[in-house]
N, C-alpha and C. Protein backbone atom coordinates (compact mmCIF):
# COMPACT_ATOMS: atom_id res chain seq x y z
N MET A 1 7.84 18.65 25.09
CA MET A 1 6.82 17.75 24.54
C MET A 1 7.38 17.03 23.31
N VAL A 2 7.11 15.74 23.20
CA VAL A 2 7.61 14.95 22.08
C VAL A 2 6.75 15.23 20.85
N LYS A 3 7.39 15.53 19.73
CA LYS A 3 6.67 15.83 18.50
C LYS A 3 6.12 14.55 17.87
N ASN A 4 5.02 14.74 17.10
CA ASN A 4 4.42 13.60 16.38
C ASN A 4 5.43 12.89 15.50
N THR A 5 6.36 13.65 14.91
CA THR A 5 7.37 13.06 14.03
C THR A 5 8.19 12.03 14.78
N GLU A 6 8.60 12.37 16.01
CA GLU A 6 9.40 11.45 16.81
C GLU A 6 8.58 10.25 17.27
N ILE A 7 7.31 10.50 17.61
CA ILE A 7 6.42 9.41 18.01
C ILE A 7 6.24 8.44 16.84
N LYS A 8 6.00 8.99 15.66
CA LYS A 8 5.80 8.15 14.48
C LYS A 8 7.06 7.36 14.14
N LYS A 9 8.20 7.98 14.31
CA LYS A 9 9.46 7.28 14.04
C LYS A 9 9.60 6.07 14.95
N GLU A 10 9.21 6.24 16.21
CA GLU A 10 9.29 5.12 17.16
C GLU A 10 8.23 4.07 16.86
N ILE A 11 7.01 4.51 16.49
CA ILE A 11 5.96 3.57 16.09
C ILE A 11 6.44 2.76 14.90
N ARG A 12 7.02 3.43 13.91
CA ARG A 12 7.53 2.76 12.71
C ARG A 12 8.58 1.72 13.09
N ARG A 13 9.52 2.11 13.92
CA ARG A 13 10.61 1.20 14.31
C ARG A 13 10.05 -0.05 14.99
N GLN A 14 9.14 0.15 15.95
CA GLN A 14 8.58 -0.98 16.69
C GLN A 14 7.72 -1.87 15.80
N ALA A 15 6.90 -1.25 14.93
CA ALA A 15 6.01 -2.04 14.06
C ALA A 15 6.82 -2.87 13.07
N LEU A 16 7.86 -2.29 12.51
CA LEU A 16 8.69 -3.03 11.55
C LEU A 16 9.47 -4.14 12.24
N GLU A 17 9.83 -3.89 13.49
CA GLU A 17 10.51 -4.93 14.28
C GLU A 17 9.56 -6.11 14.53
N ARG A 18 8.30 -5.79 14.88
CA ARG A 18 7.31 -6.86 15.11
C ARG A 18 7.03 -7.62 13.82
N ARG A 19 6.88 -6.89 12.72
CA ARG A 19 6.61 -7.55 11.45
C ARG A 19 7.80 -8.41 11.03
N GLY A 20 9.00 -7.90 11.23
CA GLY A 20 10.21 -8.64 10.86
C GLY A 20 10.41 -9.89 11.69
N ALA A 21 9.83 -9.91 12.89
CA ALA A 21 9.99 -11.06 13.78
C ALA A 21 9.02 -12.21 13.43
N LEU A 22 8.05 -11.93 12.55
CA LEU A 22 7.12 -12.99 12.15
C LEU A 22 7.89 -14.03 11.33
N SER A 23 7.59 -15.28 11.56
CA SER A 23 8.31 -16.34 10.83
C SER A 23 7.90 -16.34 9.37
N PRO A 24 8.79 -16.77 8.46
CA PRO A 24 8.43 -16.85 7.04
C PRO A 24 7.18 -17.71 6.80
N ASP A 25 7.05 -18.80 7.55
CA ASP A 25 5.86 -19.67 7.40
C ASP A 25 4.59 -18.93 7.78
N PHE A 26 4.65 -18.20 8.90
CA PHE A 26 3.48 -17.44 9.34
C PHE A 26 3.14 -16.38 8.31
N ARG A 27 4.15 -15.64 7.83
CA ARG A 27 3.91 -14.58 6.85
C ARG A 27 3.28 -15.14 5.58
N ALA A 28 3.76 -16.30 5.13
CA ALA A 28 3.22 -16.90 3.91
C ALA A 28 1.76 -17.29 4.10
N GLN A 29 1.43 -17.95 5.23
CA GLN A 29 0.06 -18.39 5.48
C GLN A 29 -0.87 -17.21 5.73
N ALA A 30 -0.41 -16.27 6.56
CA ALA A 30 -1.23 -15.08 6.86
C ALA A 30 -1.44 -14.25 5.59
N GLY A 31 -0.38 -14.14 4.77
CA GLY A 31 -0.49 -13.39 3.53
C GLY A 31 -1.51 -14.00 2.59
N LYS A 32 -1.54 -15.32 2.53
CA LYS A 32 -2.52 -16.02 1.70
C LYS A 32 -3.94 -15.71 2.18
N THR A 33 -4.15 -15.73 3.49
CA THR A 33 -5.46 -15.42 4.06
C THR A 33 -5.85 -13.97 3.76
N ILE A 34 -4.90 -13.06 3.90
CA ILE A 34 -5.16 -11.63 3.62
C ILE A 34 -5.57 -11.45 2.16
N ARG A 35 -4.85 -12.09 1.25
CA ARG A 35 -5.19 -11.99 -0.18
C ARG A 35 -6.59 -12.56 -0.45
N GLU A 36 -6.92 -13.67 0.19
CA GLU A 36 -8.26 -14.25 0.01
C GLU A 36 -9.34 -13.29 0.50
N HIS A 37 -9.12 -12.67 1.67
CA HIS A 37 -10.07 -11.67 2.18
C HIS A 37 -10.21 -10.52 1.18
N PHE A 38 -9.07 -10.05 0.68
CA PHE A 38 -9.07 -8.91 -0.24
C PHE A 38 -9.83 -9.25 -1.53
N LEU A 39 -9.52 -10.39 -2.11
CA LEU A 39 -10.12 -10.76 -3.39
C LEU A 39 -11.62 -11.05 -3.29
N SER A 40 -12.11 -11.30 -2.07
CA SER A 40 -13.54 -11.56 -1.90
C SER A 40 -14.31 -10.31 -1.44
N CYS A 41 -13.61 -9.20 -1.19
CA CYS A 41 -14.32 -8.02 -0.67
C CYS A 41 -14.96 -7.22 -1.81
N LYS A 42 -16.05 -6.50 -1.47
CA LYS A 42 -16.82 -5.75 -2.46
C LYS A 42 -15.98 -4.66 -3.12
N LEU A 43 -15.14 -3.99 -2.35
CA LEU A 43 -14.34 -2.90 -2.92
C LEU A 43 -13.50 -3.40 -4.09
N TYR A 44 -12.92 -4.59 -3.93
CA TYR A 44 -12.11 -5.15 -5.02
C TYR A 44 -13.00 -5.54 -6.19
N ASN A 45 -14.08 -6.24 -5.92
CA ASN A 45 -14.91 -6.75 -7.00
C ASN A 45 -15.64 -5.65 -7.77
N LYS A 46 -15.85 -4.50 -7.14
CA LYS A 46 -16.53 -3.39 -7.81
C LYS A 46 -15.57 -2.45 -8.54
N CYS A 47 -14.27 -2.52 -8.22
CA CYS A 47 -13.35 -1.54 -8.81
C CYS A 47 -13.05 -1.89 -10.27
N ARG A 48 -12.74 -0.86 -11.05
CA ARG A 48 -12.30 -1.07 -12.43
C ARG A 48 -10.77 -1.10 -12.46
N ASP A 49 -10.16 -0.13 -11.76
CA ASP A 49 -8.70 -0.03 -11.74
C ASP A 49 -8.18 -0.32 -10.35
N LEU A 50 -7.13 -1.12 -10.28
CA LEU A 50 -6.46 -1.42 -9.02
C LEU A 50 -5.09 -0.75 -9.03
N PHE A 51 -4.88 0.14 -8.08
CA PHE A 51 -3.59 0.81 -7.90
C PHE A 51 -2.89 0.10 -6.75
N CYS A 52 -1.79 -0.56 -7.03
CA CYS A 52 -1.19 -1.43 -6.01
C CYS A 52 0.33 -1.34 -6.00
N TYR A 53 0.89 -1.18 -4.81
CA TYR A 53 2.35 -1.22 -4.67
C TYR A 53 2.83 -2.65 -4.87
N VAL A 54 4.10 -2.80 -5.20
CA VAL A 54 4.71 -4.12 -5.31
C VAL A 54 5.42 -4.38 -3.99
N SER A 55 5.05 -5.48 -3.35
CA SER A 55 5.58 -5.78 -2.01
C SER A 55 7.10 -5.91 -2.03
N PHE A 56 7.68 -5.60 -0.87
CA PHE A 56 9.14 -5.58 -0.72
C PHE A 56 9.47 -6.14 0.67
N ARG A 57 10.53 -6.89 0.73
CA ARG A 57 10.99 -7.51 1.99
C ARG A 57 9.86 -8.29 2.65
N ASP A 58 9.49 -7.92 3.90
CA ASP A 58 8.54 -8.75 4.64
C ASP A 58 7.12 -8.17 4.67
N GLU A 59 6.77 -7.35 3.67
CA GLU A 59 5.40 -6.87 3.54
C GLU A 59 4.49 -8.02 3.12
N VAL A 60 3.19 -7.84 3.30
CA VAL A 60 2.23 -8.79 2.75
C VAL A 60 2.48 -8.84 1.24
N ASP A 61 2.66 -10.04 0.71
CA ASP A 61 2.99 -10.20 -0.71
C ASP A 61 1.84 -9.73 -1.60
N THR A 62 2.14 -8.79 -2.50
CA THR A 62 1.11 -8.30 -3.41
C THR A 62 1.28 -8.81 -4.84
N GLN A 63 2.36 -9.51 -5.13
CA GLN A 63 2.57 -9.95 -6.51
C GLN A 63 1.51 -10.95 -6.95
N GLU A 64 1.15 -11.88 -6.06
CA GLU A 64 0.08 -12.84 -6.38
C GLU A 64 -1.24 -12.10 -6.58
N LEU A 65 -1.45 -11.09 -5.78
CA LEU A 65 -2.68 -10.29 -5.87
C LEU A 65 -2.74 -9.56 -7.21
N ILE A 66 -1.61 -8.97 -7.63
CA ILE A 66 -1.55 -8.27 -8.92
C ILE A 66 -1.84 -9.24 -10.07
N LEU A 67 -1.23 -10.42 -10.01
CA LEU A 67 -1.47 -11.43 -11.05
C LEU A 67 -2.95 -11.79 -11.13
N GLN A 68 -3.58 -12.00 -9.97
CA GLN A 68 -5.00 -12.37 -9.94
C GLN A 68 -5.87 -11.24 -10.47
N ALA A 69 -5.54 -10.01 -10.10
CA ALA A 69 -6.32 -8.86 -10.57
C ALA A 69 -6.26 -8.76 -12.09
N LEU A 70 -5.08 -9.00 -12.66
CA LEU A 70 -4.96 -8.99 -14.13
C LEU A 70 -5.81 -10.10 -14.74
N LYS A 71 -5.78 -11.30 -14.14
CA LYS A 71 -6.60 -12.42 -14.62
C LYS A 71 -8.09 -12.10 -14.53
N ASP A 72 -8.46 -11.36 -13.46
CA ASP A 72 -9.87 -11.02 -13.24
C ASP A 72 -10.36 -9.90 -14.15
N GLY A 73 -9.46 -9.34 -14.96
CA GLY A 73 -9.87 -8.31 -15.90
C GLY A 73 -9.78 -6.89 -15.39
N HIS A 74 -9.19 -6.68 -14.22
CA HIS A 74 -8.99 -5.32 -13.73
C HIS A 74 -7.80 -4.68 -14.44
N ARG A 75 -7.85 -3.37 -14.61
CA ARG A 75 -6.66 -2.67 -15.07
C ARG A 75 -5.80 -2.44 -13.82
N VAL A 76 -4.52 -2.76 -13.91
CA VAL A 76 -3.64 -2.67 -12.74
C VAL A 76 -2.58 -1.61 -12.99
N ALA A 77 -2.41 -0.72 -12.00
CA ALA A 77 -1.40 0.33 -12.07
C ALA A 77 -0.46 0.18 -10.88
N VAL A 78 0.82 0.38 -11.14
CA VAL A 78 1.87 0.20 -10.14
C VAL A 78 2.71 1.48 -10.09
N PRO A 79 3.19 1.88 -8.89
CA PRO A 79 3.93 3.14 -8.80
C PRO A 79 5.38 3.07 -9.24
N ARG A 80 5.84 4.19 -9.78
CA ARG A 80 7.25 4.40 -10.08
C ARG A 80 7.66 5.70 -9.38
N VAL A 81 8.74 5.64 -8.61
CA VAL A 81 9.27 6.84 -7.96
C VAL A 81 9.98 7.66 -9.03
N LEU A 82 9.64 8.94 -9.09
CA LEU A 82 10.24 9.82 -10.09
C LEU A 82 11.55 10.38 -9.54
N SER A 83 12.55 10.40 -10.39
CA SER A 83 13.84 10.94 -9.95
C SER A 83 14.14 12.22 -10.70
N GLY A 84 14.93 13.05 -10.08
CA GLY A 84 15.28 14.34 -10.68
C GLY A 84 15.17 15.43 -9.65
N LYS A 85 15.90 16.50 -9.87
CA LYS A 85 15.98 17.55 -8.85
C LYS A 85 14.65 18.28 -8.63
N ASP A 86 13.77 18.28 -9.62
CA ASP A 86 12.51 19.01 -9.50
C ASP A 86 11.34 18.16 -9.04
N THR A 87 11.54 16.86 -8.87
CA THR A 87 10.40 15.99 -8.57
C THR A 87 10.07 15.92 -7.09
N GLY A 88 11.04 16.12 -6.21
CA GLY A 88 10.78 16.00 -4.78
C GLY A 88 10.35 14.59 -4.43
N ARG A 89 9.45 14.45 -3.47
CA ARG A 89 8.95 13.12 -3.07
C ARG A 89 7.73 12.78 -3.90
N ARG A 90 7.98 12.37 -5.12
CA ARG A 90 6.87 12.15 -6.04
C ARG A 90 6.92 10.77 -6.66
N MET A 91 5.75 10.29 -7.00
CA MET A 91 5.64 9.05 -7.75
C MET A 91 4.43 9.18 -8.67
N GLU A 92 4.41 8.35 -9.68
CA GLU A 92 3.26 8.25 -10.58
C GLU A 92 2.95 6.76 -10.72
N PHE A 93 1.71 6.46 -11.04
CA PHE A 93 1.30 5.08 -11.31
C PHE A 93 1.23 4.86 -12.81
N TYR A 94 1.64 3.66 -13.24
CA TYR A 94 1.61 3.30 -14.65
C TYR A 94 0.89 1.96 -14.81
N TYR A 95 0.06 1.86 -15.85
CA TYR A 95 -0.63 0.61 -16.12
C TYR A 95 0.38 -0.45 -16.56
N ILE A 96 0.18 -1.67 -16.06
CA ILE A 96 1.02 -2.79 -16.49
C ILE A 96 0.13 -3.92 -16.99
N GLY A 97 0.72 -4.77 -17.83
CA GLY A 97 -0.01 -5.93 -18.33
C GLY A 97 0.52 -7.22 -17.76
N SER A 98 1.71 -7.15 -17.13
CA SER A 98 2.30 -8.35 -16.53
C SER A 98 3.41 -7.93 -15.55
N LEU A 99 3.79 -8.86 -14.68
CA LEU A 99 4.89 -8.60 -13.74
C LEU A 99 6.23 -8.49 -14.48
N GLY A 100 6.29 -9.03 -15.69
CA GLY A 100 7.51 -8.95 -16.48
C GLY A 100 7.86 -7.53 -16.89
N GLU A 101 6.91 -6.60 -16.76
CA GLU A 101 7.17 -5.20 -17.11
C GLU A 101 7.78 -4.41 -15.95
N LEU A 102 8.04 -5.10 -14.84
CA LEU A 102 8.61 -4.44 -13.66
C LEU A 102 10.11 -4.68 -13.57
N HIS A 103 10.81 -3.66 -13.10
CA HIS A 103 12.26 -3.73 -12.96
C HIS A 103 12.66 -3.09 -11.63
N PRO A 104 13.79 -3.50 -11.02
CA PRO A 104 14.22 -2.86 -9.77
C PRO A 104 14.41 -1.36 -9.95
N GLY A 105 13.79 -0.60 -9.07
CA GLY A 105 13.90 0.86 -9.12
C GLY A 105 14.44 1.39 -7.81
N ALA A 106 13.79 2.44 -7.30
CA ALA A 106 14.22 3.06 -6.05
C ALA A 106 14.26 2.02 -4.93
N TRP A 107 15.36 1.96 -4.22
CA TRP A 107 15.57 1.05 -3.09
C TRP A 107 15.46 -0.42 -3.48
N GLY A 108 15.55 -0.73 -4.77
CA GLY A 108 15.46 -2.11 -5.21
C GLY A 108 14.04 -2.63 -5.34
N ILE A 109 13.05 -1.76 -5.14
CA ILE A 109 11.64 -2.16 -5.25
C ILE A 109 11.26 -2.25 -6.73
N LEU A 110 10.53 -3.30 -7.09
CA LEU A 110 10.10 -3.45 -8.48
C LEU A 110 9.11 -2.35 -8.85
N GLU A 111 9.33 -1.75 -10.02
CA GLU A 111 8.43 -0.69 -10.49
C GLU A 111 8.38 -0.74 -12.02
N PRO A 112 7.38 -0.07 -12.62
CA PRO A 112 7.26 -0.09 -14.07
C PRO A 112 8.52 0.48 -14.73
N GLY A 113 8.95 -0.18 -15.82
CA GLY A 113 10.12 0.28 -16.54
C GLY A 113 9.85 1.59 -17.27
N GLU A 114 10.93 2.24 -17.69
CA GLU A 114 10.83 3.53 -18.39
C GLU A 114 10.05 3.43 -19.70
N GLU A 115 9.99 2.21 -20.26
CA GLU A 115 9.29 2.05 -21.55
C GLU A 115 7.78 2.21 -21.40
N LEU A 116 7.26 2.10 -20.17
CA LEU A 116 5.82 2.27 -19.93
C LEU A 116 5.53 3.75 -19.72
N SER A 117 4.64 4.29 -20.51
CA SER A 117 4.38 5.72 -20.42
C SER A 117 2.92 6.07 -20.15
N LYS A 118 2.05 5.05 -20.02
CA LYS A 118 0.62 5.30 -19.80
C LYS A 118 0.37 5.56 -18.32
N ILE A 119 0.36 6.83 -17.94
CA ILE A 119 0.13 7.20 -16.54
C ILE A 119 -1.32 6.93 -16.18
N ALA A 120 -1.53 6.34 -15.01
CA ALA A 120 -2.87 6.04 -14.52
C ALA A 120 -3.24 7.07 -13.45
N ILE A 121 -4.45 7.59 -13.52
CA ILE A 121 -4.95 8.55 -12.53
C ILE A 121 -6.19 7.92 -11.89
N PRO A 122 -6.19 7.79 -10.55
CA PRO A 122 -7.36 7.16 -9.91
C PRO A 122 -8.62 8.00 -10.03
N ASP A 123 -9.75 7.32 -10.15
CA ASP A 123 -11.04 8.00 -10.13
C ASP A 123 -11.96 7.25 -9.16
N LYS A 124 -13.25 7.56 -9.20
CA LYS A 124 -14.17 6.99 -8.22
C LYS A 124 -14.30 5.47 -8.35
N ASN A 125 -13.90 4.90 -9.49
CA ASN A 125 -13.97 3.46 -9.70
C ASN A 125 -12.66 2.75 -9.40
N SER A 126 -11.74 3.46 -8.75
CA SER A 126 -10.42 2.90 -8.47
C SER A 126 -10.32 2.44 -7.02
N LEU A 127 -9.47 1.45 -6.82
CA LEU A 127 -9.14 0.97 -5.48
C LEU A 127 -7.63 1.08 -5.33
N ILE A 128 -7.20 1.76 -4.27
CA ILE A 128 -5.78 2.01 -4.05
C ILE A 128 -5.31 1.21 -2.84
N VAL A 129 -4.34 0.33 -3.05
CA VAL A 129 -3.76 -0.46 -1.96
C VAL A 129 -2.55 0.30 -1.43
N MET A 130 -2.65 0.70 -0.16
CA MET A 130 -1.59 1.53 0.45
C MET A 130 -0.65 0.68 1.31
N PRO A 131 0.65 0.89 1.16
CA PRO A 131 1.59 0.21 2.05
C PRO A 131 1.70 0.97 3.37
N GLY A 132 2.32 0.36 4.36
CA GLY A 132 2.53 1.06 5.62
C GLY A 132 3.20 0.18 6.64
N ALA A 133 3.75 0.83 7.65
CA ALA A 133 4.41 0.12 8.74
C ALA A 133 3.41 -0.22 9.85
N ALA A 134 2.48 0.71 10.12
CA ALA A 134 1.53 0.52 11.22
C ALA A 134 0.21 1.22 10.88
N PHE A 135 -0.87 0.69 11.46
CA PHE A 135 -2.21 1.24 11.21
C PHE A 135 -3.01 1.19 12.51
N ASP A 136 -4.03 2.08 12.61
CA ASP A 136 -4.99 1.94 13.71
C ASP A 136 -6.38 1.74 13.11
N ARG A 137 -7.35 1.41 13.96
CA ARG A 137 -8.68 1.03 13.48
C ARG A 137 -9.48 2.18 12.89
N CYS A 138 -9.01 3.40 13.06
CA CYS A 138 -9.69 4.56 12.46
C CYS A 138 -9.08 4.92 11.11
N GLY A 139 -8.16 4.09 10.62
CA GLY A 139 -7.55 4.35 9.33
C GLY A 139 -6.26 5.12 9.39
N GLY A 140 -5.81 5.45 10.61
CA GLY A 140 -4.53 6.13 10.77
C GLY A 140 -3.40 5.23 10.30
N ARG A 141 -2.37 5.85 9.76
CA ARG A 141 -1.29 5.09 9.12
C ARG A 141 0.06 5.75 9.38
N VAL A 142 1.04 4.90 9.63
CA VAL A 142 2.43 5.35 9.62
C VAL A 142 3.09 4.63 8.45
N GLY A 143 3.57 5.41 7.49
CA GLY A 143 4.25 4.84 6.33
C GLY A 143 5.72 4.58 6.65
N TYR A 144 6.51 4.67 5.61
CA TYR A 144 7.94 4.38 5.77
C TYR A 144 8.78 5.64 5.91
N GLY A 145 8.13 6.79 5.95
CA GLY A 145 8.85 8.03 6.23
C GLY A 145 9.14 8.90 5.02
N GLY A 146 8.85 8.39 3.81
CA GLY A 146 9.15 9.18 2.61
C GLY A 146 8.06 10.17 2.23
N GLY A 147 6.83 9.92 2.67
CA GLY A 147 5.71 10.81 2.35
C GLY A 147 5.17 10.67 0.93
N TYR A 148 5.59 9.62 0.20
CA TYR A 148 5.18 9.48 -1.20
C TYR A 148 3.68 9.31 -1.35
N TYR A 149 3.09 8.42 -0.55
CA TYR A 149 1.65 8.16 -0.68
C TYR A 149 0.82 9.34 -0.19
N ASP A 150 1.24 9.98 0.92
CA ASP A 150 0.51 11.15 1.41
C ASP A 150 0.50 12.24 0.34
N THR A 151 1.66 12.50 -0.27
CA THR A 151 1.76 13.52 -1.31
C THR A 151 0.89 13.15 -2.51
N TYR A 152 0.99 11.91 -2.97
CA TYR A 152 0.24 11.48 -4.14
C TYR A 152 -1.27 11.55 -3.89
N LEU A 153 -1.71 11.07 -2.74
CA LEU A 153 -3.15 11.00 -2.48
C LEU A 153 -3.75 12.34 -2.10
N GLN A 154 -2.93 13.31 -1.73
CA GLN A 154 -3.46 14.68 -1.57
C GLN A 154 -3.81 15.27 -2.93
N GLU A 155 -3.03 14.90 -3.94
CA GLU A 155 -3.29 15.39 -5.30
C GLU A 155 -4.36 14.58 -6.02
N HIS A 156 -4.45 13.30 -5.67
CA HIS A 156 -5.39 12.39 -6.35
C HIS A 156 -6.27 11.73 -5.28
N ALA A 157 -7.31 12.45 -4.88
CA ALA A 157 -8.12 12.01 -3.73
C ALA A 157 -9.23 11.02 -4.09
N SER A 158 -9.46 10.77 -5.37
CA SER A 158 -10.54 9.87 -5.77
C SER A 158 -10.20 8.42 -5.48
N GLY A 159 -11.23 7.61 -5.36
CA GLY A 159 -11.05 6.18 -5.16
C GLY A 159 -11.05 5.80 -3.69
N LYS A 160 -11.26 4.53 -3.46
CA LYS A 160 -11.22 3.98 -2.10
C LYS A 160 -9.81 3.50 -1.79
N ARG A 161 -9.45 3.51 -0.50
CA ARG A 161 -8.10 3.12 -0.08
C ARG A 161 -8.19 1.95 0.90
N VAL A 162 -7.35 0.96 0.66
CA VAL A 162 -7.31 -0.22 1.53
C VAL A 162 -5.86 -0.52 1.88
N ALA A 163 -5.64 -1.01 3.09
CA ALA A 163 -4.30 -1.42 3.54
C ALA A 163 -4.31 -2.92 3.82
N LEU A 164 -3.24 -3.57 3.43
CA LEU A 164 -3.04 -4.99 3.75
C LEU A 164 -1.96 -5.05 4.82
N ALA A 165 -2.26 -5.68 5.94
CA ALA A 165 -1.31 -5.68 7.05
C ALA A 165 -1.47 -6.94 7.89
N PHE A 166 -0.38 -7.35 8.51
CA PHE A 166 -0.46 -8.41 9.50
C PHE A 166 -1.03 -7.80 10.78
N SER A 167 -1.75 -8.57 11.57
CA SER A 167 -2.36 -8.04 12.79
C SER A 167 -1.31 -7.47 13.73
N ALA A 168 -0.07 -7.92 13.63
CA ALA A 168 1.02 -7.39 14.47
C ALA A 168 1.30 -5.92 14.16
N GLN A 169 0.80 -5.42 13.04
CA GLN A 169 1.02 -4.03 12.67
C GLN A 169 -0.09 -3.09 13.15
N LEU A 170 -1.13 -3.65 13.78
CA LEU A 170 -2.24 -2.83 14.26
C LEU A 170 -1.92 -2.24 15.62
N LEU A 171 -2.25 -0.96 15.79
CA LEU A 171 -2.06 -0.27 17.06
C LEU A 171 -3.39 0.33 17.51
N GLU A 172 -3.45 0.66 18.79
CA GLU A 172 -4.65 1.28 19.36
C GLU A 172 -4.89 2.66 18.76
N HIS A 173 -3.81 3.46 18.67
CA HIS A 173 -3.95 4.84 18.17
C HIS A 173 -2.65 5.30 17.53
N ILE A 174 -2.79 5.99 16.40
CA ILE A 174 -1.65 6.60 15.72
C ILE A 174 -1.92 8.10 15.63
N PRO A 175 -1.01 8.93 16.13
CA PRO A 175 -1.22 10.38 16.03
C PRO A 175 -1.21 10.80 14.57
N SER A 176 -2.12 11.71 14.20
CA SER A 176 -2.17 12.12 12.79
C SER A 176 -2.13 13.63 12.68
N GLU A 177 -1.72 14.07 11.52
CA GLU A 177 -1.67 15.49 11.20
C GLU A 177 -2.52 15.72 9.96
N SER A 178 -2.73 16.99 9.62
CA SER A 178 -3.65 17.33 8.52
C SER A 178 -3.23 16.73 7.18
N HIS A 179 -1.93 16.53 6.96
CA HIS A 179 -1.47 16.01 5.66
C HIS A 179 -1.49 14.48 5.60
N ASP A 180 -1.77 13.82 6.72
CA ASP A 180 -1.78 12.36 6.73
C ASP A 180 -3.05 11.83 6.06
N ILE A 181 -2.87 10.89 5.17
CA ILE A 181 -4.00 10.28 4.45
C ILE A 181 -4.40 8.99 5.16
N ARG A 182 -5.69 8.87 5.44
CA ARG A 182 -6.20 7.68 6.12
C ARG A 182 -6.64 6.63 5.10
N THR A 183 -6.73 5.41 5.56
CA THR A 183 -7.24 4.34 4.71
C THR A 183 -8.69 4.05 5.07
N ASP A 184 -9.46 3.57 4.11
CA ASP A 184 -10.89 3.28 4.34
C ASP A 184 -11.11 1.89 4.92
N MET A 185 -10.15 1.01 4.68
CA MET A 185 -10.30 -0.38 5.12
C MET A 185 -8.92 -0.98 5.38
N ILE A 186 -8.84 -1.84 6.39
CA ILE A 186 -7.61 -2.56 6.68
C ILE A 186 -7.96 -4.05 6.68
N ILE A 187 -7.18 -4.81 5.94
CA ILE A 187 -7.40 -6.26 5.89
C ILE A 187 -6.20 -6.96 6.52
N THR A 188 -6.47 -7.75 7.57
CA THR A 188 -5.43 -8.55 8.21
C THR A 188 -5.79 -10.02 8.06
N GLU A 189 -4.93 -10.88 8.59
CA GLU A 189 -5.23 -12.31 8.54
C GLU A 189 -6.37 -12.69 9.47
N LYS A 190 -6.72 -11.79 10.41
CA LYS A 190 -7.78 -12.08 11.39
C LYS A 190 -9.11 -11.42 11.09
N GLU A 191 -9.09 -10.27 10.39
CA GLU A 191 -10.32 -9.50 10.24
C GLU A 191 -10.24 -8.50 9.10
N ILE A 192 -11.41 -8.01 8.72
CA ILE A 192 -11.53 -6.88 7.80
C ILE A 192 -12.09 -5.72 8.60
N ILE A 193 -11.33 -4.64 8.67
CA ILE A 193 -11.72 -3.48 9.48
C ILE A 193 -12.19 -2.38 8.55
N VAL A 194 -13.45 -1.98 8.68
CA VAL A 194 -13.97 -0.83 7.94
C VAL A 194 -13.74 0.38 8.83
N CYS A 195 -12.90 1.29 8.38
CA CYS A 195 -12.48 2.42 9.22
C CYS A 195 -13.53 3.50 9.24
N SER A 196 -13.69 4.10 10.41
CA SER A 196 -14.70 5.16 10.56
C SER A 196 -14.10 6.50 10.20
């Protein structure tokens, strides 16, 4: 019998291949639509703190979203991967005041610099934007294989979770295990999915 790990690895490979095949023009236009959907949704407008990854490669661009959230008066927190032999697969979120406070970190992804020390902890008024390779309509998610978000959100369960994805990343079903964290909402260029 094929293990969920192997199935997820194949789902990840295929989803990233589909996303990578989208043209830059399509990604730019679809990303703009996704950001507009996100910025007009109640979860965003009601949140006090926005916890958001910084987009990398061909993900839906979140830098414009972060800039707008700062302009809108939200407190914005961005993750930094912790390094060291005792940290394991860990990250923490740090409040930022501008994109200029971000520097290339793990894998070249922009993250808060070492000079930022104000750790942000999500609460019921927080909205967490989760990255991922693939999603299903029930909130199932396949990440990039590091387990950083699953680990973090098991420890910090407060707040609502939303995923930004191109419709090419949606699947009928994603196998899940007890440690997998689901998202509450998925926003694509075509629709807003409230997950059951």
